[in-house]
PDB file of N, CA and C in Angstrom:
ATOM      1  N   THR A   1      64.917  48.350-115.284  1.00  0.00           N
ATOM      2  CA  THR A   1      63.908  49.392-115.160  1.00  0.00           C
ATOM      3  C   THR A   1      62.853  49.305-116.251  1.00  0.00           C
ATOM      4  N   GLU A   2      63.206  48.690-117.388  1.00  0.00           N
ATOM      5  CA  GLU A   2      62.204  48.598-118.453  1.00  0.00           C
ATOM      6  C   GLU A   2      61.049  47.682-118.081  1.00  0.00           C
ATOM      7  N   HIS A   3      61.222  46.847-117.057  1.00  0.00           N
ATOM      8  CA  HIS A   3      60.154  45.945-116.613  1.00  0.00           C
ATOM      9  C   HIS A   3      59.621  46.331-115.231  1.00  0.00           C
ATOM     10  N   LEU A   4      59.792  47.575-114.857  1.00  0.00           N
ATOM     11  CA  LEU A   4      59.403  48.029-113.525  1.00  0.00           C
ATOM     12  C   LEU A   4      57.934  47.779-113.216  1.00  0.00           C
ATOM     13  N   TYR A   5      57.067  47.917-114.200  1.00  0.00           N
ATOM     14  CA  TYR A   5      55.630  47.831-113.940  1.00  0.00           C
ATOM     15  C   TYR A   5      54.953  46.584-114.521  1.00  0.00           C
ATOM     16  N   ASP A   6      55.732  45.636-115.050  1.00  0.00           N
ATOM     17  CA  ASP A   6      55.086  44.446-115.605  1.00  0.00           C
ATOM     18  C   ASP A   6      55.300  43.183-114.765  1.00  0.00           C
ATOM     19  N   GLY A   7      55.834  43.322-113.565  1.00  0.00           N
ATOM     20  CA  GLY A   7      55.932  42.197-112.638  1.00  0.00           C
ATOM     21  C   GLY A   7      57.216  41.387-112.725  1.00  0.00           C
ATOM     22  N   LEU A   8      58.071  41.659-113.705  1.00  0.00           N
ATOM     23  CA  LEU A   8      59.323  40.924-113.822  1.00  0.00           C
ATOM     24  C   LEU A   8      60.314  41.451-112.793  1.00  0.00           C
ATOM     25  N   HIS A   9      60.891  40.551-112.019  1.00  0.00           N
ATOM     26  CA  HIS A   9      61.880  40.936-111.016  1.00  0.00           C
ATOM     27  C   HIS A   9      63.245  40.427-111.448  1.00  0.00           C
ATOM     28  N   VAL A  10      64.242  41.304-111.452  1.00  0.00           N
ATOM     29  CA  VAL A  10      65.615  40.941-111.790  1.00  0.00           C
ATOM     30  C   VAL A  10      66.493  41.291-110.604  1.00  0.00           C
ATOM     31  N   MET A  11      67.303  40.325-110.171  1.00  0.00           N
ATOM     32  CA  MET A  11      68.198  40.552-109.038  1.00  0.00           C
ATOM     33  C   MET A  11      69.618  40.203-109.464  1.00  0.00           C
ATOM     34  N   THR A  12      70.567  41.087-109.166  1.00  0.00           N
ATOM     35  CA  THR A  12      71.976  40.777-109.332  1.00  0.00           C
ATOM     36  C   THR A  12      72.416  40.096-108.044  1.00  0.00           C
ATOM     37  N   PHE A  13      72.925  38.866-108.160  1.00  0.00           N
ATOM     38  CA  PHE A  13      73.259  38.064-106.991  1.00  0.00           C
ATOM     39  C   PHE A  13      74.719  37.645-107.082  1.00  0.00           C
ATOM     40  N   ALA A  14      75.522  38.029-106.093  1.00  0.00           N
ATOM     41  CA  ALA A  14      76.948  37.706-106.088  1.00  0.00           C
ATOM     42  C   ALA A  14      77.313  37.006-104.785  1.00  0.00           C
ATOM     43  N   PRO A  15      77.345  35.668-104.795  1.00  0.00           N
ATOM     44  CA  PRO A  15      77.621  34.932-103.566  1.00  0.00           C
ATOM     45  C   PRO A  15      79.100  34.793-103.236  1.00  0.00           C
ATOM     46  N   GLY A  16      79.983  35.102-104.159  1.00  0.00           N
ATOM     47  CA  GLY A  16      81.393  34.819-103.930  1.00  0.00           C
ATOM     48  C   GLY A  16      81.661  33.351-104.231  1.00  0.00           C
ATOM     49  N   PHE A  17      82.805  32.837-103.792  1.00  0.00           N
ATOM     50  CA  PHE A  17      83.125  31.432-104.025  1.00  0.00           C
ATOM     51  C   PHE A  17      82.232  30.564-103.153  1.00  0.00           C
ATOM     52  N   THR A  18      81.705  29.507-103.735  1.00  0.00           N
ATOM     53  CA  THR A  18      80.746  28.629-103.067  1.00  0.00           C
ATOM     54  C   THR A  18      81.275  27.200-103.070  1.00  0.00           C
ATOM     55  N   ALA A  19      81.202  26.543-101.933  1.00  0.00           N
ATOM     56  CA  ALA A  19      81.643  25.148-101.838  1.00  0.00           C
ATOM     57  C   ALA A  19      80.634  24.255-102.539  1.00  0.00           C
ATOM     58  N   SER A  20      81.110  23.466-103.493  1.00  0.00           N
ATOM     59  CA  SER A  20      80.227  22.525-104.190  1.00  0.00           C
ATOM     60  C   SER A  20      81.084  21.469-104.880  1.00  0.00           C
ATOM     61  N   ASN A  21      80.441  20.436-105.352  1.00  0.00           N
ATOM     62  CA  ASN A  21      81.153  19.374-106.058  1.00  0.00           C
ATOM     63  C   ASN A  21      81.433  19.718-107.514  1.00  0.00           C
ATOM     64  N   VAL A  22      80.967  20.856-107.989  1.00  0.00           N
ATOM     65  CA  VAL A  22      81.153  21.208-109.391  1.00  0.00           C
ATOM     66  C   VAL A  22      82.636  21.341-109.733  1.00  0.00           C
ATOM     67  N   ARG A  23      83.459  21.667-108.768  1.00  0.00           N
ATOM     68  CA  ARG A  23      84.886  21.819-109.032  1.00  0.00           C
ATOM     69  C   ARG A  23      85.532  20.499-109.454  1.00  0.00           C
ATOM     70  N   PHE A  24      84.972  19.390-109.026  1.00  0.00           N
ATOM     71  CA  PHE A  24      85.546  18.099-109.405  1.00  0.00           C
ATOM     72  C   PHE A  24      85.315  17.794-110.882  1.00  0.00           C
ATOM     73  N   ALA A  25      84.368  18.461-111.501  1.00  0.00           N
ATOM     74  CA  ALA A  25      84.114  18.293-112.931  1.00  0.00           C
ATOM     75  C   ALA A  25      84.707  19.441-113.744  1.00  0.00           C
ATOM     76  N   ALA A  26      85.337  20.397-113.074  1.00  0.00           N
ATOM     77  CA  ALA A  26      85.873  21.578-113.757  1.00  0.00           C
ATOM     78  C   ALA A  26      87.079  21.209-114.619  1.00  0.00           C
ATOM     79  N   LEU A  27      87.297  22.002-115.652  1.00  0.00           N
ATOM     80  CA  LEU A  27      88.429  21.808-116.546  1.00  0.00           C
ATOM     81  C   LEU A  27      89.416  22.949-116.379  1.00  0.00           C
ATOM     82  N   THR A  28      90.689  22.664-116.603  1.00  0.00           N
ATOM     83  CA  THR A  28      91.716  23.699-116.549  1.00  0.00           C
ATOM     84  C   THR A  28      91.757  24.428-117.886  1.00  0.00           C
ATOM     85  N   ALA A  29      92.671  25.382-118.015  1.00  0.00           N
ATOM     86  CA  ALA A  29      92.764  26.189-119.234  1.00  0.00           C
ATOM     87  C   ALA A  29      93.065  25.343-120.467  1.00  0.00           C
ATOM     88  N   ASP A  30      93.802  24.234-120.300  1.00  0.00           N
ATOM     89  CA  ASP A  30      94.128  23.394-121.457  1.00  0.00           C
ATOM     90  C   ASP A  30      93.090  22.301-121.721  1.00  0.00           C
ATOM     91  N   GLY A  31      92.003  22.287-120.943  1.00  0.00           N
ATOM     92  CA  GLY A  31      90.924  21.333-121.158  1.00  0.00           C
ATOM     93  C   GLY A  31      91.035  20.048-120.363  1.00  0.00           C
ATOM     94  N   SER A  32      92.102  19.901-119.594  1.00  0.00           N
ATOM     95  CA  SER A  32      92.252  18.692-118.775  1.00  0.00           C
ATOM     96  C   SER A  32      91.442  18.837-117.487  1.00  0.00           C
ATOM     97  N   PRO A  33      91.025  17.715-116.886  1.00  0.00           N
ATOM     98  CA  PRO A  33      90.233  17.789-115.647  1.00  0.00           C
ATOM     99  C   PRO A  33      91.028  18.433-114.510  1.00  0.00           C
ATOM    100  N   GLN A  34      90.377  19.308-113.777  1.00  0.00           N
ATOM    101  CA  GLN A  34      91.035  19.978-112.655  1.00  0.00           C
ATOM    102  C   GLN A  34      91.246  19.011-111.498  1.00  0.00           C
ATOM    103  N   GLY A  35      90.302  18.118-111.278  1.00  0.00           N
ATOM    104  CA  GLY A  35      90.450  17.101-110.239  1.00  0.00           C
ATOM    105  C   GLY A  35      90.002  17.563-108.877  1.00  0.00           C
ATOM    106  N   GLU A  36      90.658  18.551-108.331  1.00  0.00           N
ATOM    107  CA  GLU A  36      90.263  19.058-107.020  1.00  0.00           C
ATOM    108  C   GLU A  36      90.353  20.571-107.004  1.00  0.00           C
ATOM    109  N   SER A  37      89.735  21.147-106.029  1.00  0.00           N
ATOM    110  CA  SER A  37      89.682  22.602-105.923  1.00  0.00           C
ATOM    111  C   SER A  37      91.023  23.157-105.461  1.00  0.00           C
ATOM    112  N   PRO A  38      91.500  24.240-106.086  1.00  0.00           N
ATOM    113  CA  PRO A  38      92.714  24.885-105.605  1.00  0.00           C
ATOM    114  C   PRO A  38      92.449  25.754-104.370  1.00  0.00           C
ATOM    115  N   ARG A  39      91.192  25.907-103.986  1.00  0.00           N
ATOM    116  CA  ARG A  39      90.813  26.743-102.844  1.00  0.00           C
ATOM    117  C   ARG A  39      90.421  25.876-101.662  1.00  0.00           C
ATOM    118  N   ASP A  40      90.465  26.465-100.482  1.00  0.00           N
ATOM    119  CA  ASP A  40      90.033  25.777 -99.267  1.00  0.00           C
ATOM    120  C   ASP A  40      88.513  25.871 -99.182  1.00  0.00           C
ATOM    121  N   GLU A  41      87.837  24.811 -99.541  1.00  0.00           N
ATOM    122  CA  GLU A  41      86.373  24.833 -99.583  1.00  0.00           C
ATOM    123  C   GLU A  41      85.748  24.855 -98.195  1.00  0.00           C
ATOM    124  N   ASN A  42      86.528  24.557 -97.162  1.00  0.00           N
ATOM    125  CA  ASN A  42      85.992  24.623 -95.795  1.00  0.00           C
ATOM    126  C   ASN A  42      85.702  26.056 -95.366  1.00  0.00           C
ATOM    127  N   THR A  43      86.329  27.030 -96.031  1.00  0.00           N
ATOM    128  CA  THR A  43      86.109  28.435 -95.684  1.00  0.00           C
ATOM    129  C   THR A  43      85.010  29.072 -96.529  1.00  0.00           C
ATOM    130  N   MET A  44      84.471  28.315 -97.481  1.00  0.00           N
ATOM    131  CA  MET A  44      83.445  28.855 -98.380  1.00  0.00           C
ATOM    132  C   MET A  44      82.043  28.577 -97.856  1.00  0.00           C
ATOM    133  N   MET A  45      81.106  29.388 -98.297  1.00  0.00           N
ATOM    134  CA  MET A  45      79.702  29.189 -97.957  1.00  0.00           C
ATOM    135  C   MET A  45      79.185  27.968 -98.721  1.00  0.00           C
ATOM    136  N   SER A  46      78.360  27.174 -98.066  1.00  0.00           N
ATOM    137  CA  SER A  46      77.808  25.990 -98.728  1.00  0.00           C
ATOM    138  C   SER A  46      76.779  26.403 -99.779  1.00  0.00           C
ATOM    139  N   ALA A  47      76.564  25.525-100.743  1.00  0.00           N
ATOM    140  CA  ALA A  47      75.567  25.792-101.783  1.00  0.00           C
ATOM    141  C   ALA A  47      74.180  25.948-101.171  1.00  0.00           C
ATOM    142  N   GLU A  48      73.893  25.182-100.125  1.00  0.00           N
ATOM    143  CA  GLU A  48      72.588  25.276 -99.461  1.00  0.00           C
ATOM    144  C   GLU A  48      72.394  26.648 -98.815  1.00  0.00           C
ATOM    145  N   CYS A  49      73.444  27.158 -98.172  1.00  0.00           N
ATOM    146  CA  CYS A  49      73.371  28.479 -97.534  1.00  0.00           C
ATOM    147  C   CYS A  49      73.194  29.573 -98.592  1.00  0.00           C
ATOM    148  N   VAL A  50      73.923  29.453 -99.692  1.00  0.00           N
ATOM    149  CA  VAL A  50      73.788  30.415-100.790  1.00  0.00           C
ATOM    150  C   VAL A  50      72.360  30.397-101.326  1.00  0.00           C
ATOM    151  N   ALA A  51      71.798  29.201-101.481  1.00  0.00           N
ATOM    152  CA  ALA A  51      70.421  29.079-101.987  1.00  0.00           C
ATOM    153  C   ALA A  51      69.424  29.739-101.040  1.00  0.00           C
ATOM    154  N   LYS A  52      69.639  29.611 -99.730  1.00  0.00           N
ATOM    155  CA  LYS A  52      68.743  30.257 -98.756  1.00  0.00           C
ATOM    156  C   LYS A  52      68.806  31.774 -98.876  1.00  0.00           C
ATOM    157  N   HIS A  53      70.022  32.307 -99.034  1.00  0.00           N
ATOM    158  CA  HIS A  53      70.174  33.758 -99.218  1.00  0.00           C
ATOM    159  C   HIS A  53      69.478  34.210-100.500  1.00  0.00           C
ATOM    160  N   MET A  54      69.654  33.427-101.567  1.00  0.00           N
ATOM    161  CA  MET A  54      69.032  33.784-102.840  1.00  0.00           C
ATOM    162  C   MET A  54      67.512  33.775-102.729  1.00  0.00           C
ATOM    163  N   LEU A  55      66.969  32.750-102.098  1.00  0.00           N
ATOM    164  CA  LEU A  55      65.517  32.671-101.933  1.00  0.00           C
ATOM    165  C   LEU A  55      64.994  33.863-101.137  1.00  0.00           C
ATOM    166  N   ARG A  56      65.707  34.229-100.067  1.00  0.00           N
ATOM    167  CA  ARG A  56      65.294  35.385 -99.274  1.00  0.00           C
ATOM    168  C   ARG A  56      65.308  36.658-100.125  1.00  0.00           C
ATOM    169  N   GLY A  57      66.339  36.814-100.968  1.00  0.00           N
ATOM    170  CA  GLY A  57      66.406  37.973-101.856  1.00  0.00           C
ATOM    171  C   GLY A  57      65.272  38.005-102.861  1.00  0.00           C
ATOM    172  N   ILE A  58      64.922  36.833-103.380  1.00  0.00           N
ATOM    173  CA  ILE A  58      63.809  36.748-104.334  1.00  0.00           C
ATOM    174  C   ILE A  58      62.499  37.105-103.652  1.00  0.00           C
ATOM    175  N   LEU A  59      62.269  36.531-102.471  1.00  0.00           N
ATOM    176  CA  LEU A  59      61.016  36.795-101.758  1.00  0.00           C
ATOM    177  C   LEU A  59      60.878  38.260-101.353  1.00  0.00           C
ATOM    178  N   LYS A  60      62.005  38.898-101.014  1.00  0.00           N
ATOM    179  CA  LYS A  60      61.973  40.316-100.640  1.00  0.00           C
ATOM    180  C   LYS A  60      62.125  41.233-101.851  1.00  0.00           C
ATOM    181  N   ARG A  61      62.244  40.629-103.037  1.00  0.00           N
ATOM    182  CA  ARG A  61      62.381  41.363-104.295  1.00  0.00           C
ATOM    183  C   ARG A  61      63.529  42.374-104.246  1.00  0.00           C
ATOM    184  N   ARG A  62      64.656  41.912-103.769  1.00  0.00           N
ATOM    185  CA  ARG A  62      65.845  42.762-103.718  1.00  0.00           C
ATOM    186  C   ARG A  62      66.408  42.956-105.122  1.00  0.00           C
ATOM    187  N   ASP A  63      66.979  44.116-105.358  1.00  0.00           N
ATOM    188  CA  ASP A  63      67.599  44.394-106.649  1.00  0.00           C
ATOM    189  C   ASP A  63      69.003  43.810-106.730  1.00  0.00           C
ATOM    190  N   GLN A  64      69.672  43.758-105.583  1.00  0.00           N
ATOM    191  CA  GLN A  64      71.064  43.329-105.565  1.00  0.00           C
ATOM    192  C   GLN A  64      71.374  42.666-104.236  1.00  0.00           C
ATOM    193  N   MET A  65      72.132  41.576-104.282  1.00  0.00           N
ATOM    194  CA  MET A  65      72.615  40.930-103.061  1.00  0.00           C
ATOM    195  C   MET A  65      74.079  40.567-103.261  1.00  0.00           C
ATOM    196  N   ILE A  66      74.941  41.149-102.459  1.00  0.00           N
ATOM    197  CA  ILE A  66      76.364  40.844-102.446  1.00  0.00           C
ATOM    198  C   ILE A  66      76.616  40.207-101.081  1.00  0.00           C
ATOM    199  N   LEU A  67      77.066  38.953-101.045  1.00  0.00           N
ATOM    200  CA  LEU A  67      77.117  38.226 -99.784  1.00  0.00           C
ATOM    201  C   LEU A  67      78.427  38.344 -99.014  1.00  0.00           C
ATOM    202  N   THR A  68      79.536  38.626 -99.681  1.00  0.00           N
ATOM    203  CA  THR A  68      80.817  38.628 -98.978  1.00  0.00           C
ATOM    204  C   THR A  68      81.272  40.047 -98.649  1.00  0.00           C
ATOM    205  N   PRO A  69      82.018  40.198 -97.564  1.00  0.00           N
ATOM    206  CA  PRO A  69      82.561  41.526 -97.233  1.00  0.00           C
ATOM    207  C   PRO A  69      83.470  42.071 -98.338  1.00  0.00           C
ATOM    208  N   ILE A  70      84.272  41.206 -98.944  1.00  0.00           N
ATOM    209  CA  ILE A  70      85.147  41.661-100.027  1.00  0.00           C
ATOM    210  C   ILE A  70      84.315  42.112-101.224  1.00  0.00           C
ATOM    211  N   GLY A  71      83.255  41.399-101.519  1.00  0.00           N
ATOM    212  CA  GLY A  71      82.368  41.794-102.614  1.00  0.00           C
ATOM    213  C   GLY A  71      81.719  43.138-102.358  1.00  0.00           C
ATOM    214  N   LYS A  72      81.260  43.340-101.126  1.00  0.00           N
ATOM    215  CA  LYS A  72      80.629  44.619-100.768  1.00  0.00           C
ATOM    216  C   LYS A  72      81.630  45.760-100.861  1.00  0.00           C
ATOM    217  N   ALA A  73      82.860  45.522-100.391  1.00  0.00           N
ATOM    218  CA  ALA A  73      83.900  46.550-100.474  1.00  0.00           C
ATOM    219  C   ALA A  73      84.241  46.844-101.932  1.00  0.00           C
ATOM    220  N   SER A  74      84.306  45.805-102.759  1.00  0.00           N
ATOM    221  CA  SER A  74      84.606  45.991-104.184  1.00  0.00           C
ATOM    222  C   SER A  74      83.561  46.858-104.866  1.00  0.00           C
ATOM    223  N   VAL A  75      82.300  46.614-104.562  1.00  0.00           N
ATOM    224  CA  VAL A  75      81.217  47.409-105.158  1.00  0.00           C
ATOM    225  C   VAL A  75      81.354  48.874-104.747  1.00  0.00           C
ATOM    226  N   LEU A  76      81.624  49.109-103.474  1.00  0.00           N
ATOM    227  CA  LEU A  76      81.755  50.483-102.979  1.00  0.00           C
ATOM    228  C   LEU A  76      82.951  51.193-103.608  1.00  0.00           C
ATOM    229  N   VAL A  77      84.122  50.563-103.564  1.00  0.00           N
ATOM    230  CA  VAL A  77      85.331  51.187-104.108  1.00  0.00           C
ATOM    231  C   VAL A  77      85.213  51.355-105.624  1.00  0.00           C
ATOM    232  N   ASN A  78      84.555  50.410-106.295  1.00  0.00           N
ATOM    233  CA  ASN A  78      84.402  50.466-107.750  1.00  0.00           C
ATOM    234  C   ASN A  78      83.627  51.703-108.205  1.00  0.00           C
ATOM    235  N   LYS A  79      82.760  52.222-107.357  1.00  0.00           N
ATOM    236  CA  LYS A  79      82.006  53.428-107.720  1.00  0.00           C
ATOM    237  C   LYS A  79      82.920  54.633-107.894  1.00  0.00           C
ATOM    238  N   PHE A  80      84.034  54.646-107.160  1.00  0.00           N
ATOM    239  CA  PHE A  80      84.945  55.786-107.190  1.00  0.00           C
ATOM    240  C   PHE A  80      86.231  55.505-107.966  1.00  0.00           C
ATOM    241  N   PHE A  81      86.702  54.254-107.921  1.00  0.00           N
ATOM    242  CA  PHE A  81      87.974  53.885-108.542  1.00  0.00           C
ATOM    243  C   PHE A  81      87.834  52.575-109.330  1.00  0.00           C
ATOM    244  N   PRO A  82      87.079  52.575-110.424  1.00  0.00           N
ATOM    245  CA  PRO A  82      86.826  51.320-111.139  1.00  0.00           C
ATOM    246  C   PRO A  82      88.078  50.648-111.702  1.00  0.00           C
ATOM    247  N   LYS A  83      89.030  51.421-112.211  1.00  0.00           N
ATOM    248  CA  LYS A  83      90.245  50.816-112.766  1.00  0.00           C
ATOM    249  C   LYS A  83      91.081  50.166-111.672  1.00  0.00           C
ATOM    250  N   LEU A  84      91.115  50.772-110.501  1.00  0.00           N
ATOM    251  CA  LEU A  84      91.854  50.193-109.381  1.00  0.00           C
ATOM    252  C   LEU A  84      91.263  48.837-109.005  1.00  0.00           C
ATOM    253  N   VAL A  85      89.956  48.765-108.913  1.00  0.00           N
ATOM    254  CA  VAL A  85      89.296  47.502-108.558  1.00  0.00           C
ATOM    255  C   VAL A  85      89.584  46.441-109.615  1.00  0.00           C
ATOM    256  N   SER A  86      89.540  46.814-110.876  1.00  0.00           N
ATOM    257  CA  SER A  86      89.837  45.850-111.946  1.00  0.00           C
ATOM    258  C   SER A  86      91.253  45.311-111.820  1.00  0.00           C
ATOM    259  N   ARG A  87      92.222  46.197-111.558  1.00  0.00           N
ATOM    260  CA  ARG A  87      93.614  45.752-111.428  1.00  0.00           C
ATOM    261  C   ARG A  87      93.809  44.855-110.211  1.00  0.00           C
ATOM    262  N   VAL A  88      93.213  45.226-109.083  1.00  0.00           N
ATOM    263  CA  VAL A  88      93.350  44.416-107.866  1.00  0.00           C
ATOM    264  C   VAL A  88      92.700  43.050-108.055  1.00  0.00           C
ATOM    265  N   GLU A  89      91.510  43.016-108.616  1.00  0.00           N
ATOM    266  CA  GLU A  89      90.831  41.732-108.843  1.00  0.00           C
ATOM    267  C   GLU A  89      91.622  40.856-109.805  1.00  0.00           C
ATOM    268  N   TYR A  90      92.211  41.455-110.837  1.00  0.00           N
ATOM    269  CA  TYR A  90      93.030  40.689-111.776  1.00  0.00           C
ATOM    270  C   TYR A  90      94.226  40.079-111.056  1.00  0.00           C
ATOM    271  N   ARG A  91      94.900  40.866-110.237  1.00  0.00           N
ATOM    272  CA  ARG A  91      96.065  40.350-109.498  1.00  0.00           C
ATOM    273  C   ARG A  91      95.684  39.207-108.573  1.00  0.00           C
ATOM    274  N   ILE A  92      94.539  39.338-107.914  1.00  0.00           N
ATOM    275  CA  ILE A  92      94.083  38.276-107.013  1.00  0.00           C
ATOM    276  C   ILE A  92      93.812  36.997-107.801  1.00  0.00           C
ATOM    277  N   MET A  93      93.125  37.115-108.926  1.00  0.00           N
ATOM    278  CA  MET A  93      92.822  35.930-109.734  1.00  0.00           C
ATOM    279  C   MET A  93      94.090  35.335-110.352  1.00  0.00           C
ATOM    280  N   LYS A  94      95.034  36.189-110.719  1.00  0.00           N
ATOM    281  CA  LYS A  94      96.290  35.710-111.293  1.00  0.00           C
ATOM    282  C   LYS A  94      97.112  34.945-110.261  1.00  0.00           C
ATOM    283  N   ALA A  95      97.000  35.311-108.993  1.00  0.00           N
ATOM    284  CA  ALA A  95      97.762  34.658-107.924  1.00  0.00           C
ATOM    285  C   ALA A  95      97.183  33.303-107.517  1.00  0.00           C
ATOM    286  N   GLU A  96      95.991  32.964-108.016  1.00  0.00           N
ATOM    287  CA  GLU A  96      95.374  31.671-107.698  1.00  0.00           C
ATOM    288  C   GLU A  96      96.258  30.531-108.209  1.00  0.00           C
ATOM    289  N   PRO A  97      96.324  29.421-107.475  1.00  0.00           N
ATOM    290  CA  PRO A  97      97.065  28.260-107.984  1.00  0.00           C
ATOM    291  C   PRO A  97      96.467  27.789-109.315  1.00  0.00           C
ATOM    292  N   ASP A  98      97.329  27.483-110.261  1.00  0.00           N
ATOM    293  CA  ASP A  98      96.930  26.996-111.591  1.00  0.00           C
ATOM    294  C   ASP A  98      96.048  27.981-112.349  1.00  0.00           C
ATOM    295  N   SER A  99      96.223  29.277-112.090  1.00  0.00           N
ATOM    296  CA  SER A  99      95.431  30.287-112.787  1.00  0.00           C
ATOM    297  C   SER A  99      95.827  30.347-114.258  1.00  0.00           C
ATOM    298  N   PRO A 100      94.852  30.420-115.162  1.00  0.00           N
ATOM    299  CA  PRO A 100      95.186  30.562-116.581  1.00  0.00           C
ATOM    300  C   PRO A 100      95.730  31.956-116.900  1.00  0.00           C
ATOM    301  N   LEU A 101      95.675  32.874-115.951  1.00  0.00           N
ATOM    302  CA  LEU A 101      96.160  34.237-116.168  1.00  0.00           C
ATOM    303  C   LEU A 101      97.666  34.350-115.964  1.00  0.00           C
ATOM    304  N   SER A 102      98.297  33.316-115.417  1.00  0.00           N
ATOM    305  CA  SER A 102      99.739  33.358-115.110  1.00  0.00           C
ATOM    306  C   SER A 102     100.574  33.486-116.348  1.00  0.00           C
TER     307      SER A 102
END
């Protein structure tokens, strides 16, 4: 809001997990190469699709773009029950294969 009248546009953009080759260069908690993604990348949005959504948000000067249904639900529930959302998100991340939270 401090830049409301000077032309600067800021958008919060949350695409969720995105399929890309960056995971092949990712490191695990101990610093060793991850090698491959622990997630099914076939179910993720492609980087190109995410970029198209982002460009559309920039052109329409949106303040916020949440692309996944789970992300949208998290934002809504977080307004009323923020601690619950934090605990649920932590449990989900902890359940990931090779999670450093285990």
